[in-house]
Amino acid sequence: MSTQHKDGEIATAIYTVNKHAKTALDNRPLYTLKRLALEKMILSGRAKKIGLHFVNKSRFSQQQSAVVIKCGDYYFHTLPKKEDFKQLPHLGKLDETYRNPRRKMSLNVAKGILNDFLELTYPKQVPHSRLTPKKIHDQKKKNDYYKTISYFYGH
């Protein structure tokens, strides 16, 4: 199942998933996919933690930091762990002038690449028949017909 993907292709897939997660209604699965992919890239030596940045929009008026990870030619932010504060240098404020390269990839392709890279499999869903208004009407009509000619039912 697993094919070898290039670092740049995986980085672009992570970038695409991250971009869509920022506007998604339920962004947890997308951010989980991003986190798992980055962790695997770091463990395999294909990505590197650079340092810590201050978060611009911190919650509850408290100073917060995020880990900066370099993957391919992209930079990503993730939540820090306790050991990150001890091991990584603090880089101060985020450089607002830097932007990641913009590359186009559909979300489905990106999720496919990351699922393949992470060797994730999902159970096949059994296709169910969709009830359209016409099918509902036909079923109702059929049931009503048998109720009207209910000679055997004592009417």
C-alpha atoms as a PDB file:
ATOM      1  CA  MET A   1       0.000   0.000   0.000  1.00  0.00           C
ATOM      2  CA  SER A   2       2.689   2.473   0.966  1.00  0.00           C
ATOM      3  CA  THR A   3       4.494   4.143  -1.877  1.00  0.00           C
ATOM      4  CA  GLN A   4       7.445   6.422  -1.440  1.00  0.00           C
ATOM      5  CA  HIS A   5       6.435  10.065  -1.560  1.00  0.00           C
ATOM      6  CA  LYS A   6       8.936  12.851  -1.961  1.00  0.00           C
ATOM      7  CA  ASP A   7       9.442  15.262   0.931  1.00  0.00           C
ATOM      8  CA  GLY A   8       8.177  18.184  -1.147  1.00  0.00           C
ATOM      9  CA  GLU A   9       4.994  16.325  -2.061  1.00  0.00           C
ATOM     10  CA  ILE A  10       4.293  15.453   1.575  1.00  0.00           C
ATOM     11  CA  ALA A  11       5.071  19.025   2.674  1.00  0.00           C
ATOM     12  CA  THR A  12       2.645  20.387   0.061  1.00  0.00           C
ATOM     13  CA  ALA A  13      -0.008  17.919   1.266  1.00  0.00           C
ATOM     14  CA  ILE A  14       0.505  19.065   4.883  1.00  0.00           C
ATOM     15  CA  TYR A  15       0.298  22.703   3.726  1.00  0.00           C
ATOM     16  CA  THR A  16      -2.974  21.995   1.892  1.00  0.00           C
ATOM     17  CA  VAL A  17      -4.524  20.179   4.851  1.00  0.00           C
ATOM     18  CA  ASN A  18      -3.409  22.985   7.190  1.00  0.00           C
ATOM     19  CA  LYS A  19      -4.860  25.652   4.867  1.00  0.00           C
ATOM     20  CA  HIS A  20      -8.232  23.884   4.726  1.00  0.00           C
ATOM     21  CA  ALA A  21      -8.238  23.221   8.492  1.00  0.00           C
ATOM     22  CA  LYS A  22      -8.151  26.950   9.196  1.00  0.00           C
ATOM     23  CA  THR A  23     -11.577  27.425   7.607  1.00  0.00           C
ATOM     24  CA  ALA A  24     -13.205  24.027   8.238  1.00  0.00           C
ATOM     25  CA  LEU A  25     -16.210  23.731  10.531  1.00  0.00           C
ATOM     26  CA  ASP A  26     -14.801  20.581  12.132  1.00  0.00           C
ATOM     27  CA  ASN A  27     -11.054  21.029  11.864  1.00  0.00           C
ATOM     28  CA  ARG A  28      -9.951  18.388  14.393  1.00  0.00           C
ATOM     29  CA  PRO A  29      -9.459  15.533  11.899  1.00  0.00           C
ATOM     30  CA  LEU A  30      -7.431  17.791   9.592  1.00  0.00           C
ATOM     31  CA  TYR A  31      -5.205  19.114  12.367  1.00  0.00           C
ATOM     32  CA  THR A  32      -4.725  15.538  13.644  1.00  0.00           C
ATOM     33  CA  LEU A  33      -3.637  14.448  10.168  1.00  0.00           C
ATOM     34  CA  LYS A  34      -1.194  17.383  10.026  1.00  0.00           C
ATOM     35  CA  ARG A  35       0.204  16.608  13.487  1.00  0.00           C
ATOM     36  CA  LEU A  36       0.674  12.891  12.775  1.00  0.00           C
ATOM     37  CA  ALA A  37       2.365  13.578   9.437  1.00  0.00           C
ATOM     38  CA  LEU A  38       4.731  16.149  10.952  1.00  0.00           C
ATOM     39  CA  GLU A  39       5.592  13.829  13.849  1.00  0.00           C
ATOM     40  CA  LYS A  40       6.428  11.004  11.447  1.00  0.00           C
ATOM     41  CA  MET A  41       8.496  13.353   9.271  1.00  0.00           C
ATOM     42  CA  ILE A  42      10.438  14.531  12.346  1.00  0.00           C
ATOM     43  CA  LEU A  43      11.028  10.974  13.617  1.00  0.00           C
ATOM     44  CA  SER A  44      12.311   9.905  10.207  1.00  0.00           C
ATOM     45  CA  GLY A  45      14.614  12.936   9.985  1.00  0.00           C
ATOM     46  CA  ARG A  46      12.793  14.445   7.002  1.00  0.00           C
ATOM     47  CA  ALA A  47      11.607  17.496   8.989  1.00  0.00           C
ATOM     48  CA  LYS A  48      13.177  19.440  11.834  1.00  0.00           C
ATOM     49  CA  LYS A  49      11.999  21.454  14.810  1.00  0.00           C
ATOM     50  CA  ILE A  50      13.609  24.895  14.506  1.00  0.00           C
ATOM     51  CA  GLY A  51      12.488  26.726  17.636  1.00  0.00           C
ATOM     52  CA  LEU A  52       9.604  28.459  19.384  1.00  0.00           C
ATOM     53  CA  HIS A  53       7.604  31.527  18.291  1.00  0.00           C
ATOM     54  CA  PHE A  54       5.235  33.692  20.264  1.00  0.00           C
ATOM     55  CA  VAL A  55       1.614  33.201  19.148  1.00  0.00           C
ATOM     56  CA  ASN A  56       0.000  36.427  17.909  1.00  0.00           C
ATOM     57  CA  LYS A  57      -3.587  35.549  18.847  1.00  0.00           C
ATOM     58  CA  SER A  58      -3.042  33.963  22.228  1.00  0.00           C
ATOM     59  CA  ARG A  59      -6.040  32.915  24.289  1.00  0.00           C
ATOM     60  CA  PHE A  60      -6.977  34.242  27.734  1.00  0.00           C
ATOM     61  CA  SER A  61      -4.500  37.150  27.404  1.00  0.00           C
ATOM     62  CA  GLN A  62      -1.583  34.879  28.224  1.00  0.00           C
ATOM     63  CA  GLN A  63       1.646  34.673  26.283  1.00  0.00           C
ATOM     64  CA  GLN A  64       1.739  31.425  24.316  1.00  0.00           C
ATOM     65  CA  SER A  65       4.345  29.824  22.131  1.00  0.00           C
ATOM     66  CA  ALA A  66       4.231  27.486  19.154  1.00  0.00           C
ATOM     67  CA  VAL A  67       6.884  25.128  17.800  1.00  0.00           C
ATOM     68  CA  VAL A  68       8.240  26.043  14.363  1.00  0.00           C
ATOM     69  CA  ILE A  69       8.887  23.019  12.141  1.00  0.00           C
ATOM     70  CA  LYS A  70      10.710  23.118   8.812  1.00  0.00           C
ATOM     71  CA  CYS A  71       9.432  20.500   6.374  1.00  0.00           C
ATOM     72  CA  GLY A  72      10.592  20.718   2.776  1.00  0.00           C
ATOM     73  CA  ASP A  73      10.482  24.411   1.926  1.00  0.00           C
ATOM     74  CA  TYR A  74       7.541  25.061   4.267  1.00  0.00           C
ATOM     75  CA  TYR A  75       7.375  26.194   7.882  1.00  0.00           C
ATOM     76  CA  PHE A  76       4.575  24.927  10.141  1.00  0.00           C
ATOM     77  CA  HIS A  77       3.482  25.709  13.693  1.00  0.00           C
ATOM     78  CA  THR A  78       2.312  23.090  16.179  1.00  0.00           C
ATOM     79  CA  LEU A  79       1.546  23.049  19.855  1.00  0.00           C
ATOM     80  CA  PRO A  80       4.652  22.661  22.031  1.00  0.00           C
ATOM     81  CA  LYS A  81       5.328  19.829  24.434  1.00  0.00           C
ATOM     82  CA  LYS A  82       7.040  20.283  27.794  1.00  0.00           C
ATOM     83  CA  GLU A  83      10.393  19.097  26.510  1.00  0.00           C
ATOM     84  CA  ASP A  84      10.257  21.575  23.603  1.00  0.00           C
ATOM     85  CA  PHE A  85      10.580  24.507  26.030  1.00  0.00           C
ATOM     86  CA  LYS A  86      13.758  22.935  27.443  1.00  0.00           C
ATOM     87  CA  GLN A  87      15.343  21.827  24.156  1.00  0.00           C
ATOM     88  CA  LEU A  88      14.428  24.477  21.564  1.00  0.00           C
ATOM     89  CA  PRO A  89      15.609  28.092  21.361  1.00  0.00           C
ATOM     90  CA  HIS A  90      12.987  30.843  21.519  1.00  0.00           C
ATOM     91  CA  LEU A  91      12.940  32.825  18.291  1.00  0.00           C
ATOM     92  CA  GLY A  92      10.774  35.681  19.585  1.00  0.00           C
ATOM     93  CA  LYS A  93       7.990  37.164  17.484  1.00  0.00           C
ATOM     94  CA  LEU A  94       6.780  35.630  14.238  1.00  0.00           C
ATOM     95  CA  ASP A  95       8.183  37.225  11.080  1.00  0.00           C
ATOM     96  CA  GLU A  96       5.027  38.623   9.439  1.00  0.00           C
ATOM     97  CA  THR A  97       6.751  39.186   6.089  1.00  0.00           C
ATOM     98  CA  TYR A  98       7.546  35.509   5.401  1.00  0.00           C
ATOM     99  CA  ARG A  99       4.967  33.386   3.589  1.00  0.00           C
ATOM    100  CA  ASN A 100       5.075  29.696   2.701  1.00  0.00           C
ATOM    101  CA  PRO A 101       5.216  28.936  -1.037  1.00  0.00           C
ATOM    102  CA  ARG A 102       1.767  28.681  -2.601  1.00  0.00           C
ATOM    103  CA  ARG A 103       1.171  25.427  -4.390  1.00  0.00           C
ATOM    104  CA  LYS A 104      -2.141  24.016  -5.534  1.00  0.00           C
ATOM    105  CA  MET A 105      -3.304  20.576  -4.469  1.00  0.00           C
ATOM    106  CA  SER A 106      -6.849  19.412  -3.817  1.00  0.00           C
ATOM    107  CA  LEU A 107      -7.779  18.467  -0.285  1.00  0.00           C
ATOM    108  CA  ASN A 108      -8.736  14.920  -1.339  1.00  0.00           C
ATOM    109  CA  VAL A 109      -5.352  14.383  -3.018  1.00  0.00           C
ATOM    110  CA  ALA A 110      -3.546  15.821   0.021  1.00  0.00           C
ATOM    111  CA  LYS A 111      -5.473  13.606   2.426  1.00  0.00           C
ATOM    112  CA  GLY A 112      -4.777  10.594   0.201  1.00  0.00           C
ATOM    113  CA  ILE A 113      -1.033  11.301   0.184  1.00  0.00           C
ATOM    114  CA  LEU A 114      -0.926  11.748   3.965  1.00  0.00           C
ATOM    115  CA  ASN A 115      -3.078   8.676   4.628  1.00  0.00           C
ATOM    116  CA  ASP A 116      -0.765   6.658   2.378  1.00  0.00           C
ATOM    117  CA  PHE A 117       2.333   8.135   4.044  1.00  0.00           C
ATOM    118  CA  LEU A 118       0.950   7.384   7.512  1.00  0.00           C
ATOM    119  CA  GLU A 119      -0.297   3.970   6.324  1.00  0.00           C
ATOM    120  CA  LEU A 120      -3.783   4.738   7.596  1.00  0.00           C
ATOM    121  CA  THR A 121      -6.664   2.636   6.365  1.00  0.00           C
ATOM    122  CA  TYR A 122     -10.337   3.245   6.833  1.00  0.00           C
ATOM    123  CA  PRO A 123     -13.047   0.591   6.707  1.00  0.00           C
ATOM    124  CA  LYS A 124     -15.041   0.534   3.490  1.00  0.00           C
ATOM    125  CA  GLN A 125     -18.422   2.098   3.910  1.00  0.00           C
ATOM    126  CA  VAL A 126     -21.363   0.112   2.676  1.00  0.00           C
ATOM    127  CA  PRO A 127     -23.209   2.226   0.131  1.00  0.00           C
ATOM    128  CA  HIS A 128     -26.718   2.942   1.277  1.00  0.00           C
ATOM    129  CA  SER A 129     -29.606   3.805  -0.962  1.00  0.00           C
ATOM    130  CA  ARG A 130     -30.528   7.434  -0.699  1.00  0.00           C
ATOM    131  CA  LEU A 131     -34.141   8.222  -0.150  1.00  0.00           C
ATOM    132  CA  THR A 132     -35.130  10.804  -2.698  1.00  0.00           C
ATOM    133  CA  PRO A 133     -38.457  12.627  -2.520  1.00  0.00           C
ATOM    134  CA  LYS A 134     -39.733  10.481  -5.400  1.00  0.00           C
ATOM    135  CA  LYS A 135     -38.806   7.231  -3.603  1.00  0.00           C
ATOM    136  CA  ILE A 136     -40.509   8.429  -0.420  1.00  0.00           C
ATOM    137  CA  HIS A 137     -43.636   9.358  -2.385  1.00  0.00           C
ATOM    138  CA  ASP A 138     -43.673   6.004  -4.206  1.00  0.00           C
ATOM    139  CA  GLN A 139     -43.312   4.057  -0.939  1.00  0.00           C
ATOM    140  CA  LYS A 140     -46.031   6.074   0.716  1.00  0.00           C
ATOM    141  CA  LYS A 141     -48.333   5.658  -2.285  1.00  0.00           C
ATOM    142  CA  LYS A 142     -47.717   1.911  -2.339  1.00  0.00           C
ATOM    143  CA  ASN A 143     -48.461   1.584   1.394  1.00  0.00           C
ATOM    144  CA  ASP A 144     -51.577   3.781   1.115  1.00  0.00           C
ATOM    145  CA  TYR A 145     -52.895   1.680  -1.796  1.00  0.00           C
ATOM    146  CA  TYR A 146     -52.861  -1.496   0.251  1.00  0.00           C
ATOM    147  CA  LYS A 147     -54.605   0.294   3.137  1.00  0.00           C
ATOM    148  CA  THR A 148     -57.494   1.435   0.901  1.00  0.00           C
ATOM    149  CA  ILE A 149     -58.265  -2.034  -0.459  1.00  0.00           C
ATOM    150  CA  SER A 150     -58.171  -3.663   2.892  1.00  0.00           C
ATOM    151  CA  TYR A 151     -60.921  -6.207   2.283  1.00  0.00           C
ATOM    152  CA  PHE A 152     -58.969  -8.694   4.392  1.00  0.00           C
ATOM    153  CA  TYR A 153     -58.364  -6.199   7.193  1.00  0.00           C
ATOM    154  CA  GLY A 154     -62.051  -5.653   8.045  1.00  0.00           C
ATOM    155  CA  HIS A 155     -62.647  -2.155   6.663  1.00  0.00           C
END
